[in-house]
PDB file of all heavy atoms in Angstrom:
ATOM      1  N   ASP A   1     108.632 137.299  22.938  1.00  0.00           N
ATOM      2  CA  ASP A   1     110.014 137.745  23.456  1.00  0.00           C
ATOM      3  C   ASP A   1     109.819 139.035  24.346  1.00  0.00           C
ATOM      4  O   ASP A   1     110.541 139.058  25.447  1.00  0.00           O
ATOM      5  CB  ASP A   1     110.890 138.092  22.239  1.00  0.00           C
ATOM      6  CG  ASP A   1     111.130 136.936  21.284  1.00  0.00           C
ATOM      7  OD1 ASP A   1     111.223 135.886  21.898  1.00  0.00           O
ATOM      8  OD2 ASP A   1     111.240 137.144  20.120  1.00  0.00           O
ATOM      9  N   VAL A   2     108.936 139.936  23.932  1.00  0.00           N
ATOM     10  CA  VAL A   2     108.808 141.047  24.867  1.00  0.00           C
ATOM     11  C   VAL A   2     108.130 140.662  26.208  1.00  0.00           C
ATOM     12  O   VAL A   2     108.565 141.214  27.302  1.00  0.00           O
ATOM     13  CB  VAL A   2     107.899 142.155  24.134  1.00  0.00           C
ATOM     14  CG1 VAL A   2     107.698 143.302  25.053  1.00  0.00           C
ATOM     15  CG2 VAL A   2     108.483 142.529  22.821  1.00  0.00           C
ATOM     16  N   TYR A   3     107.137 139.730  26.090  1.00  0.00           N
ATOM     17  CA  TYR A   3     106.569 139.273  27.381  1.00  0.00           C
ATOM     18  C   TYR A   3     107.580 138.672  28.296  1.00  0.00           C
ATOM     19  O   TYR A   3     107.568 138.826  29.487  1.00  0.00           O
ATOM     20  CB  TYR A   3     105.529 138.161  26.945  1.00  0.00           C
ATOM     21  CG  TYR A   3     104.807 137.518  28.086  1.00  0.00           C
ATOM     22  CD1 TYR A   3     103.759 138.060  28.815  1.00  0.00           C
ATOM     23  CD2 TYR A   3     105.268 136.266  28.521  1.00  0.00           C
ATOM     24  CE1 TYR A   3     103.166 137.374  29.867  1.00  0.00           C
ATOM     25  CE2 TYR A   3     104.815 135.569  29.617  1.00  0.00           C
ATOM     26  CZ  TYR A   3     103.716 136.141  30.313  1.00  0.00           C
ATOM     27  OH  TYR A   3     103.143 135.489  31.438  1.00  0.00           O
ATOM     28  N   ASP A   4     108.488 137.705  27.610  1.00  0.00           N
ATOM     29  CA  ASP A   4     109.546 137.121  28.423  1.00  0.00           C
ATOM     30  C   ASP A   4     110.419 138.156  29.055  1.00  0.00           C
ATOM     31  O   ASP A   4     110.869 138.035  30.276  1.00  0.00           O
ATOM     32  CB  ASP A   4     110.301 136.208  27.643  1.00  0.00           C
ATOM     33  CG  ASP A   4     109.605 134.953  27.161  1.00  0.00           C
ATOM     34  OD1 ASP A   4     108.646 134.711  27.880  1.00  0.00           O
ATOM     35  OD2 ASP A   4     109.901 134.255  26.118  1.00  0.00           O
ATOM     36  N   ALA A   5     110.777 139.186  28.335  1.00  0.00           N
ATOM     37  CA  ALA A   5     111.576 140.268  28.837  1.00  0.00           C
ATOM     38  C   ALA A   5     110.959 141.052  30.077  1.00  0.00           C
ATOM     39  O   ALA A   5     111.573 141.265  31.065  1.00  0.00           O
ATOM     40  CB  ALA A   5     111.868 141.273  27.795  1.00  0.00           C
ATOM     41  N   ILE A   6     109.592 141.188  29.866  1.00  0.00           N
ATOM     42  CA  ILE A   6     108.957 141.911  30.965  1.00  0.00           C
ATOM     43  C   ILE A   6     108.949 141.015  32.285  1.00  0.00           C
ATOM     44  O   ILE A   6     109.025 141.500  33.394  1.00  0.00           O
ATOM     45  CB  ILE A   6     107.380 142.181  30.672  1.00  0.00           C
ATOM     46  CG1 ILE A   6     107.477 143.303  29.496  1.00  0.00           C
ATOM     47  CG2 ILE A   6     106.670 142.659  31.857  1.00  0.00           C
ATOM     48  CD1 ILE A   6     106.108 143.654  29.015  1.00  0.00           C
ATOM     49  N   THR A   7     108.707 139.725  32.099  1.00  0.00           N
ATOM     50  CA  THR A   7     108.730 138.843  33.362  1.00  0.00           C
ATOM     51  C   THR A   7     110.057 138.736  33.942  1.00  0.00           C
ATOM     52  O   THR A   7     110.050 138.459  35.209  1.00  0.00           O
ATOM     53  CB  THR A   7     108.272 137.382  32.900  1.00  0.00           C
ATOM     54  OG1 THR A   7     109.171 136.836  31.961  1.00  0.00           O
ATOM     55  CG2 THR A   7     106.828 137.376  32.366  1.00  0.00           C
ATOM     56  N   LYS A   8     111.210 139.054  33.220  1.00  0.00           N
ATOM     57  CA  LYS A   8     112.501 138.979  33.757  1.00  0.00           C
ATOM     58  C   LYS A   8     112.898 140.320  34.476  1.00  0.00           C
ATOM     59  O   LYS A   8     113.690 140.281  35.444  1.00  0.00           O
ATOM     60  CB  LYS A   8     113.453 138.647  32.669  1.00  0.00           C
ATOM     61  CG  LYS A   8     113.408 137.204  32.190  1.00  0.00           C
ATOM     62  CD  LYS A   8     114.304 136.947  30.979  1.00  0.00           C
ATOM     63  CE  LYS A   8     114.195 135.452  30.497  1.00  0.00           C
ATOM     64  NZ  LYS A   8     115.060 135.199  29.346  1.00  0.00           N
ATOM     65  N   VAL A   9     112.226 141.391  34.012  1.00  0.00           N
ATOM     66  CA  VAL A   9     112.631 142.677  34.720  1.00  0.00           C
ATOM     67  C   VAL A   9     111.574 142.969  35.768  1.00  0.00           C
ATOM     68  O   VAL A   9     111.767 144.031  36.450  1.00  0.00           O
ATOM     69  CB  VAL A   9     112.650 143.895  33.677  1.00  0.00           C
ATOM     70  CG1 VAL A   9     113.695 143.513  32.604  1.00  0.00           C
ATOM     71  CG2 VAL A   9     111.269 144.066  32.966  1.00  0.00           C
ATOM     72  N   THR A  10     110.539 142.096  35.969  1.00  0.00           N
ATOM     73  CA  THR A  10     109.648 142.412  37.072  1.00  0.00           C
ATOM     74  C   THR A  10     109.450 141.058  37.822  1.00  0.00           C
ATOM     75  O   THR A  10     110.022 140.077  37.489  1.00  0.00           O
ATOM     76  CB  THR A  10     108.186 142.829  36.379  1.00  0.00           C
ATOM     77  OG1 THR A  10     107.634 141.739  35.662  1.00  0.00           O
ATOM     78  CG2 THR A  10     108.324 143.996  35.585  1.00  0.00           C
ATOM     79  N   HIS A  11     108.407 141.015  38.736  1.00  0.00           N
ATOM     80  CA  HIS A  11     107.997 139.864  39.337  1.00  0.00           C
ATOM     81  C   HIS A  11     106.852 139.175  38.765  1.00  0.00           C
ATOM     82  O   HIS A  11     106.238 138.330  39.427  1.00  0.00           O
ATOM     83  CB  HIS A  11     107.810 140.091  40.865  1.00  0.00           C
ATOM     84  CG  HIS A  11     109.128 140.535  41.595  1.00  0.00           C
ATOM     85  ND1 HIS A  11     109.543 141.860  41.703  1.00  0.00           N
ATOM     86  CD2 HIS A  11     110.094 139.852  42.169  1.00  0.00           C
ATOM     87  CE1 HIS A  11     110.557 142.010  42.351  1.00  0.00           C
ATOM     88  NE2 HIS A  11     111.030 140.772  42.650  1.00  0.00           N
ATOM     89  N   LEU A  12     106.396 139.676  37.656  1.00  0.00           N
ATOM     90  CA  LEU A  12     105.233 139.043  37.024  1.00  0.00           C
ATOM     91  C   LEU A  12     105.646 137.789  36.243  1.00  0.00           C
ATOM     92  O   LEU A  12     106.734 137.782  35.590  1.00  0.00           O
ATOM     93  CB  LEU A  12     104.737 140.033  35.989  1.00  0.00           C
ATOM     94  CG  LEU A  12     104.224 141.429  36.517  1.00  0.00           C
ATOM     95  CD1 LEU A  12     103.960 142.369  35.341  1.00  0.00           C
ATOM     96  CD2 LEU A  12     103.042 141.238  37.438  1.00  0.00           C
ATOM     97  N   ASP A  13     104.812 136.700  36.329  1.00  0.00           N
ATOM     98  CA  ASP A  13     105.105 135.530  35.480  1.00  0.00           C
ATOM     99  C   ASP A  13     103.713 134.911  35.300  1.00  0.00           C
ATOM    100  O   ASP A  13     102.640 135.447  35.500  1.00  0.00           O
ATOM    101  CB  ASP A  13     106.133 134.568  36.286  1.00  0.00           C
ATOM    102  CG  ASP A  13     105.479 134.273  37.710  1.00  0.00           C
ATOM    103  OD1 ASP A  13     104.300 134.172  37.897  1.00  0.00           O
ATOM    104  OD2 ASP A  13     106.402 134.114  38.601  1.00  0.00           O
ATOM    105  N   SER A  14     103.785 133.724  34.625  1.00  0.00           N
ATOM    106  CA  SER A  14     102.604 132.989  34.219  1.00  0.00           C
ATOM    107  C   SER A  14     101.682 132.589  35.481  1.00  0.00           C
ATOM    108  O   SER A  14     100.557 132.298  35.336  1.00  0.00           O
ATOM    109  CB  SER A  14     102.970 131.741  33.501  1.00  0.00           C
ATOM    110  OG  SER A  14     103.706 130.784  34.295  1.00  0.00           O
ATOM    111  N   ALA A  15     102.273 132.658  36.623  1.00  0.00           N
ATOM    112  CA  ALA A  15     101.540 132.248  37.930  1.00  0.00           C
ATOM    113  C   ALA A  15     100.411 133.295  38.152  1.00  0.00           C
ATOM    114  O   ALA A  15      99.439 133.000  38.873  1.00  0.00           O
ATOM    115  CB  ALA A  15     102.383 132.085  39.086  1.00  0.00           C
ATOM    116  N   ASN A  16     100.599 134.526  37.555  1.00  0.00           N
ATOM    117  CA  ASN A  16      99.601 135.510  37.841  1.00  0.00           C
ATOM    118  C   ASN A  16      98.494 135.604  36.728  1.00  0.00           C
ATOM    119  O   ASN A  16      97.658 136.450  36.911  1.00  0.00           O
ATOM    120  CB  ASN A  16     100.255 136.895  38.053  1.00  0.00           C
ATOM    121  CG  ASN A  16     100.755 137.441  36.727  1.00  0.00           C
ATOM    122  OD1 ASN A  16     100.662 136.892  35.704  1.00  0.00           O
ATOM    123  ND2 ASN A  16     101.315 138.630  36.701  1.00  0.00           N
ATOM    124  N   ASP A  17      98.568 134.768  35.784  1.00  0.00           N
ATOM    125  CA  ASP A  17      97.669 134.899  34.582  1.00  0.00           C
ATOM    126  C   ASP A  17      96.128 134.677  35.062  1.00  0.00           C
ATOM    127  O   ASP A  17      95.835 133.571  35.637  1.00  0.00           O
ATOM    128  CB  ASP A  17      97.951 133.791  33.580  1.00  0.00           C
ATOM    129  CG  ASP A  17      99.231 134.143  32.815  1.00  0.00           C
ATOM    130  OD1 ASP A  17      99.846 135.175  33.105  1.00  0.00           O
ATOM    131  OD2 ASP A  17      99.708 133.283  32.083  1.00  0.00           O
ATOM    132  N   ASP A  18      95.415 135.713  35.022  1.00  0.00           N
ATOM    133  CA  ASP A  18      93.993 135.648  35.277  1.00  0.00           C
ATOM    134  C   ASP A  18      93.704 135.209  36.757  1.00  0.00           C
ATOM    135  O   ASP A  18      92.603 134.596  36.934  1.00  0.00           O
ATOM    136  CB  ASP A  18      93.323 134.764  34.271  1.00  0.00           C
ATOM    137  CG  ASP A  18      93.342 135.306  32.857  1.00  0.00           C
ATOM    138  OD1 ASP A  18      93.077 136.459  32.683  1.00  0.00           O
ATOM    139  OD2 ASP A  18      93.811 134.524  32.027  1.00  0.00           O
ATOM    140  N   GLN A  19      94.639 135.202  37.566  1.00  0.00           N
ATOM    141  CA  GLN A  19      94.394 134.907  38.918  1.00  0.00           C
ATOM    142  C   GLN A  19      94.450 136.112  39.908  1.00  0.00           C
ATOM    143  O   GLN A  19      94.687 135.941  41.048  1.00  0.00           O
ATOM    144  CB  GLN A  19      95.535 133.835  39.365  1.00  0.00           C
ATOM    145  CG  GLN A  19      95.573 132.602  38.552  1.00  0.00           C
ATOM    146  CD  GLN A  19      94.331 131.768  38.610  1.00  0.00           C
ATOM    147  OE1 GLN A  19      93.772 131.711  39.684  1.00  0.00           O
ATOM    148  NE2 GLN A  19      93.883 131.104  37.573  1.00  0.00           N
ATOM    149  N   SER A  20      94.264 137.214  39.283  1.00  0.00           N
ATOM    150  CA  SER A  20      94.458 138.397  40.027  1.00  0.00           C
ATOM    151  C   SER A  20      93.299 138.771  41.002  1.00  0.00           C
ATOM    152  O   SER A  20      92.229 138.073  40.976  1.00  0.00           O
ATOM    153  CB  SER A  20      94.623 139.599  39.086  1.00  0.00           C
ATOM    154  OG  SER A  20      93.338 139.832  38.424  1.00  0.00           O
ATOM    155  N   GLN A  21      93.482 139.812  41.854  1.00  0.00           N
ATOM    156  CA  GLN A  21      92.468 140.094  42.841  1.00  0.00           C
ATOM    157  C   GLN A  21      91.339 140.793  42.161  1.00  0.00           C
ATOM    158  O   GLN A  21      90.258 140.974  42.770  1.00  0.00           O
ATOM    159  CB  GLN A  21      93.157 141.106  43.855  1.00  0.00           C
ATOM    160  CG  GLN A  21      93.677 142.294  43.230  1.00  0.00           C
ATOM    161  CD  GLN A  21      94.456 143.121  44.256  1.00  0.00           C
ATOM    162  OE1 GLN A  21      94.486 142.937  45.383  1.00  0.00           O
ATOM    163  NE2 GLN A  21      95.188 144.178  43.679  1.00  0.00           N
ATOM    164  N   GLU A  22      91.327 141.166  40.907  1.00  0.00           N
ATOM    165  CA  GLU A  22      90.244 141.817  40.324  1.00  0.00           C
ATOM    166  C   GLU A  22      89.429 140.769  39.489  1.00  0.00           C
ATOM    167  O   GLU A  22      88.572 141.089  38.640  1.00  0.00           O
ATOM    168  CB  GLU A  22      90.643 142.902  39.343  1.00  0.00           C
ATOM    169  CG  GLU A  22      91.476 142.387  38.132  1.00  0.00           C
ATOM    170  CD  GLU A  22      91.475 143.292  37.011  1.00  0.00           C
ATOM    171  OE1 GLU A  22      90.911 144.337  37.067  1.00  0.00           O
ATOM    172  OE2 GLU A  22      92.089 142.946  35.977  1.00  0.00           O
ATOM    173  N   LYS A  23      89.514 139.511  39.826  1.00  0.00           N
ATOM    174  CA  LYS A  23      89.066 138.426  39.128  1.00  0.00           C
ATOM    175  C   LYS A  23      87.487 138.550  39.028  1.00  0.00           C
ATOM    176  O   LYS A  23      86.845 138.199  38.006  1.00  0.00           O
ATOM    177  CB  LYS A  23      89.333 137.115  39.898  1.00  0.00           C
ATOM    178  CG  LYS A  23      88.985 135.808  39.051  1.00  0.00           C
ATOM    179  CD  LYS A  23      89.684 134.697  39.810  1.00  0.00           C
ATOM    180  CE  LYS A  23      89.391 133.326  38.880  1.00  0.00           C
ATOM    181  NZ  LYS A  23      90.028 132.174  39.652  1.00  0.00           N
ATOM    182  N   GLY A  24      86.887 139.181  40.020  1.00  0.00           N
ATOM    183  CA  GLY A  24      85.414 139.255  39.823  1.00  0.00           C
ATOM    184  C   GLY A  24      84.964 140.637  39.535  1.00  0.00           C
ATOM    185  O   GLY A  24      83.740 140.943  39.748  1.00  0.00           O
ATOM    186  N   SER A  25      85.867 141.423  39.038  1.00  0.00           N
ATOM    187  CA  SER A  25      85.474 142.801  38.672  1.00  0.00           C
ATOM    188  C   SER A  25      84.881 143.026  37.300  1.00  0.00           C
ATOM    189  O   SER A  25      85.061 142.117  36.492  1.00  0.00           O
ATOM    190  CB  SER A  25      86.699 143.738  38.939  1.00  0.00           C
ATOM    191  OG  SER A  25      87.634 143.444  38.019  1.00  0.00           O
ATOM    192  N   GLY A  26      84.346 144.140  37.001  1.00  0.00           N
ATOM    193  CA  GLY A  26      83.810 144.415  35.691  1.00  0.00           C
ATOM    194  C   GLY A  26      82.445 143.918  35.560  1.00  0.00           C
ATOM    195  O   GLY A  26      81.928 143.191  36.378  1.00  0.00           O
ATOM    196  N   ASN A  27      81.783 144.376  34.480  1.00  0.00           N
ATOM    197  CA  ASN A  27      80.391 143.956  34.362  1.00  0.00           C
ATOM    198  C   ASN A  27      80.263 142.583  33.743  1.00  0.00           C
ATOM    199  O   ASN A  27      81.305 141.979  33.375  1.00  0.00           O
ATOM    200  CB  ASN A  27      79.580 145.057  33.447  1.00  0.00           C
ATOM    201  CG  ASN A  27      80.255 145.139  32.080  1.00  0.00           C
ATOM    202  OD1 ASN A  27      80.579 144.164  31.426  1.00  0.00           O
ATOM    203  ND2 ASN A  27      80.465 146.332  31.605  1.00  0.00           N
ATOM    204  N   ILE A  28      79.081 142.087  33.641  1.00  0.00           N
ATOM    205  CA  ILE A  28      78.896 140.586  33.277  1.00  0.00           C
ATOM    206  C   ILE A  28      79.468 140.410  31.883  1.00  0.00           C
ATOM    207  O   ILE A  28      80.085 139.429  31.588  1.00  0.00           O
ATOM    208  CB  ILE A  28      77.496 140.265  33.381  1.00  0.00           C
ATOM    209  CG1 ILE A  28      76.995 140.250  34.846  1.00  0.00           C
ATOM    210  CG2 ILE A  28      77.173 138.847  32.724  1.00  0.00           C
ATOM    211  CD1 ILE A  28      75.586 139.966  35.064  1.00  0.00           C
ATOM    212  N   LEU A  29      79.126 141.394  30.979  1.00  0.00           N
ATOM    213  CA  LEU A  29      79.634 141.237  29.543  1.00  0.00           C
ATOM    214  C   LEU A  29      81.069 141.164  29.498  1.00  0.00           C
ATOM    215  O   LEU A  29      81.724 140.254  28.706  1.00  0.00           O
ATOM    216  CB  LEU A  29      79.130 142.339  28.682  1.00  0.00           C
ATOM    217  CG  LEU A  29      79.475 142.404  27.165  1.00  0.00           C
ATOM    218  CD1 LEU A  29      79.022 141.050  26.476  1.00  0.00           C
ATOM    219  CD2 LEU A  29      78.913 143.589  26.536  1.00  0.00           C
ATOM    220  N   ASN A  30      81.812 142.104  30.148  1.00  0.00           N
ATOM    221  CA  ASN A  30      83.269 142.099  30.114  1.00  0.00           C
ATOM    222  C   ASN A  30      83.847 140.925  30.654  1.00  0.00           C
ATOM    223  O   ASN A  30      84.837 140.222  30.205  1.00  0.00           O
ATOM    224  CB  ASN A  30      83.822 143.363  30.894  1.00  0.00           C
ATOM    225  CG  ASN A  30      83.595 144.648  30.051  1.00  0.00           C
ATOM    226  OD1 ASN A  30      83.412 144.643  28.887  1.00  0.00           O
ATOM    227  ND2 ASN A  30      83.673 145.744  30.758  1.00  0.00           N
ATOM    228  N   ARG A  31      83.244 140.395  31.718  1.00  0.00           N
ATOM    229  CA  ARG A  31      83.838 139.058  32.449  1.00  0.00           C
ATOM    230  C   ARG A  31      83.604 137.892  31.492  1.00  0.00           C
ATOM    231  O   ARG A  31      84.295 136.992  31.451  1.00  0.00           O
ATOM    232  CB  ARG A  31      83.103 138.954  33.659  1.00  0.00           C
ATOM    233  CG  ARG A  31      83.522 139.923  34.740  1.00  0.00           C
ATOM    234  CD  ARG A  31      82.586 140.058  35.974  1.00  0.00           C
ATOM    235  NE  ARG A  31      82.451 138.865  36.701  1.00  0.00           N
ATOM    236  CZ  ARG A  31      81.470 138.699  37.659  1.00  0.00           C
ATOM    237  NH1 ARG A  31      80.811 139.841  38.027  1.00  0.00           N
ATOM    238  NH2 ARG A  31      81.364 137.566  38.203  1.00  0.00           N
ATOM    239  N   PHE A  32      82.372 137.906  30.767  1.00  0.00           N
ATOM    240  CA  PHE A  32      82.138 136.827  29.760  1.00  0.00           C
ATOM    241  C   PHE A  32      83.138 136.839  28.654  1.00  0.00           C
ATOM    242  O   PHE A  32      83.601 135.777  28.308  1.00  0.00           O
ATOM    243  CB  PHE A  32      80.683 136.910  29.259  1.00  0.00           C
ATOM    244  CG  PHE A  32      80.306 135.872  28.245  1.00  0.00           C
ATOM    245  CD1 PHE A  32      80.148 134.667  28.635  1.00  0.00           C
ATOM    246  CD2 PHE A  32      80.279 136.296  26.906  1.00  0.00           C
ATOM    247  CE1 PHE A  32      79.781 133.666  27.699  1.00  0.00           C
ATOM    248  CE2 PHE A  32      79.958 135.321  25.968  1.00  0.00           C
ATOM    249  CZ  PHE A  32      79.697 133.963  26.367  1.00  0.00           C
ATOM    250  N   ILE A  33      83.344 138.021  28.056  1.00  0.00           N
ATOM    251  CA  ILE A  33      84.369 138.264  27.000  1.00  0.00           C
ATOM    252  C   ILE A  33      85.732 137.743  27.418  1.00  0.00           C
ATOM    253  O   ILE A  33      86.386 137.074  26.804  1.00  0.00           O
ATOM    254  CB  ILE A  33      84.340 139.564  26.518  1.00  0.00           C
ATOM    255  CG1 ILE A  33      82.963 139.984  25.759  1.00  0.00           C
ATOM    256  CG2 ILE A  33      85.476 139.826  25.442  1.00  0.00           C
ATOM    257  CD1 ILE A  33      82.817 141.375  25.337  1.00  0.00           C
ATOM    258  N   ASP A  34      86.078 138.183  28.659  1.00  0.00           N
ATOM    259  CA  ASP A  34      87.315 137.788  29.231  1.00  0.00           C
ATOM    260  C   ASP A  34      87.457 136.237  29.366  1.00  0.00           C
ATOM    261  O   ASP A  34      88.509 135.701  29.087  1.00  0.00           O
ATOM    262  CB  ASP A  34      87.612 138.424  30.543  1.00  0.00           C
ATOM    263  CG  ASP A  34      88.878 138.080  31.204  1.00  0.00           C
ATOM    264  OD1 ASP A  34      89.951 138.426  30.787  1.00  0.00           O
ATOM    265  OD2 ASP A  34      88.781 137.454  32.340  1.00  0.00           O
ATOM    266  N   LEU A  35      86.378 135.653  29.798  1.00  0.00           N
ATOM    267  CA  LEU A  35      86.404 134.225  30.079  1.00  0.00           C
ATOM    268  C   LEU A  35      86.568 133.485  28.666  1.00  0.00           C
ATOM    269  O   LEU A  35      87.494 132.583  28.619  1.00  0.00           O
ATOM    270  CB  LEU A  35      85.111 133.764  30.747  1.00  0.00           C
ATOM    271  CG  LEU A  35      84.861 132.218  30.713  1.00  0.00           C
ATOM    272  CD1 LEU A  35      85.828 131.664  31.750  1.00  0.00           C
ATOM    273  CD2 LEU A  35      83.442 132.005  31.247  1.00  0.00           C
ATOM    274  N   ILE A  36      85.825 133.898  27.676  1.00  0.00           N
ATOM    275  CA  ILE A  36      86.041 133.224  26.380  1.00  0.00           C
ATOM    276  C   ILE A  36      87.314 133.446  25.701  1.00  0.00           C
ATOM    277  O   ILE A  36      87.910 132.516  25.268  1.00  0.00           O
ATOM    278  CB  ILE A  36      84.797 133.727  25.396  1.00  0.00           C
ATOM    279  CG1 ILE A  36      83.537 133.411  26.048  1.00  0.00           C
ATOM    280  CG2 ILE A  36      85.004 133.063  23.988  1.00  0.00           C
ATOM    281  CD1 ILE A  36      83.209 131.981  26.162  1.00  0.00           C
ATOM    282  N   SER A  37      87.741 134.749  25.842  1.00  0.00           N
ATOM    283  CA  SER A  37      89.083 135.053  25.159  1.00  0.00           C
ATOM    284  C   SER A  37      90.275 134.325  25.901  1.00  0.00           C
ATOM    285  O   SER A  37      91.211 133.849  25.331  1.00  0.00           O
ATOM    286  CB  SER A  37      89.310 136.485  25.096  1.00  0.00           C
ATOM    287  OG  SER A  37      89.309 137.080  26.550  1.00  0.00           O
ATOM    288  N   GLY A  38      90.076 134.148  27.195  1.00  0.00           N
ATOM    289  CA  GLY A  38      91.135 133.387  28.067  1.00  0.00           C
ATOM    290  C   GLY A  38      91.207 132.047  27.576  1.00  0.00           C
ATOM    291  O   GLY A  38      92.232 131.439  27.770  1.00  0.00           O
ATOM    292  N   ILE A  39      90.115 131.463  27.279  1.00  0.00           N
ATOM    293  CA  ILE A  39      90.087 129.980  26.934  1.00  0.00           C
ATOM    294  C   ILE A  39      90.664 129.822  25.526  1.00  0.00           C
ATOM    295  O   ILE A  39      91.295 128.791  25.289  1.00  0.00           O
ATOM    296  CB  ILE A  39      88.714 129.335  26.985  1.00  0.00           C
ATOM    297  CG1 ILE A  39      88.262 129.437  28.607  1.00  0.00           C
ATOM    298  CG2 ILE A  39      88.613 127.980  26.516  1.00  0.00           C
ATOM    299  CD1 ILE A  39      86.775 128.982  28.772  1.00  0.00           C
ATOM    300  N   PHE A  40      90.322 130.660  24.567  1.00  0.00           N
ATOM    301  CA  PHE A  40      90.601 130.479  23.112  1.00  0.00           C
ATOM    302  C   PHE A  40      91.979 131.028  22.716  1.00  0.00           C
ATOM    303  O   PHE A  40      92.560 130.570  21.814  1.00  0.00           O
ATOM    304  CB  PHE A  40      89.497 130.977  22.346  1.00  0.00           C
ATOM    305  CG  PHE A  40      88.238 130.061  22.206  1.00  0.00           C
ATOM    306  CD1 PHE A  40      87.227 130.170  23.020  1.00  0.00           C
ATOM    307  CD2 PHE A  40      88.317 129.082  21.214  1.00  0.00           C
ATOM    308  CE1 PHE A  40      86.119 129.365  22.951  1.00  0.00           C
ATOM    309  CE2 PHE A  40      87.104 128.231  21.143  1.00  0.00           C
ATOM    310  CZ  PHE A  40      86.104 128.343  22.005  1.00  0.00           C
ATOM    311  N   GLN A  41      92.351 132.005  23.381  1.00  0.00           N
ATOM    312  CA  GLN A  41      93.647 132.747  23.022  1.00  0.00           C
ATOM    313  C   GLN A  41      94.845 131.859  22.871  1.00  0.00           C
ATOM    314  O   GLN A  41      95.656 131.878  21.831  1.00  0.00           O
ATOM    315  CB  GLN A  41      93.981 133.824  23.987  1.00  0.00           C
ATOM    316  CG  GLN A  41      93.266 135.189  23.663  1.00  0.00           C
ATOM    317  CD  GLN A  41      93.576 136.235  24.774  1.00  0.00           C
ATOM    318  OE1 GLN A  41      94.609 135.997  25.562  1.00  0.00           O
ATOM    319  NE2 GLN A  41      92.674 137.127  24.979  1.00  0.00           N
ATOM    320  N   PRO A  42      95.057 130.936  23.811  1.00  0.00           N
ATOM    321  CA  PRO A  42      96.241 130.076  23.761  1.00  0.00           C
ATOM    322  C   PRO A  42      96.433 129.255  22.510  1.00  0.00           C
ATOM    323  O   PRO A  42      97.381 128.738  22.110  1.00  0.00           O
ATOM    324  CB  PRO A  42      96.195 129.256  24.997  1.00  0.00           C
ATOM    325  CG  PRO A  42      95.343 130.014  25.961  1.00  0.00           C
ATOM    326  CD  PRO A  42      94.336 130.647  25.068  1.00  0.00           C
ATOM    327  N   ILE A  43      95.141 128.800  21.844  1.00  0.00           N
ATOM    328  CA  ILE A  43      95.153 127.969  20.705  1.00  0.00           C
ATOM    329  C   ILE A  43      94.899 128.688  19.419  1.00  0.00           C
ATOM    330  O   ILE A  43      94.742 127.965  18.388  1.00  0.00           O
ATOM    331  CB  ILE A  43      94.121 126.859  20.962  1.00  0.00           C
ATOM    332  CG1 ILE A  43      92.763 127.244  21.163  1.00  0.00           C
ATOM    333  CG2 ILE A  43      94.603 125.942  22.117  1.00  0.00           C
ATOM    334  CD1 ILE A  43      91.744 126.283  21.393  1.00  0.00           C
TER     335      ILE A  43
END
């Protein structure tokens, strides 16, 4: 509900999920953890 409220008071929405300009930033470990968490979080 809070997430929905934020998307309504800003221009952020699901289209920006993990598609940001910092996609290739961070060290390899952080990027790997982000990859795994991004795949498993929704389920």
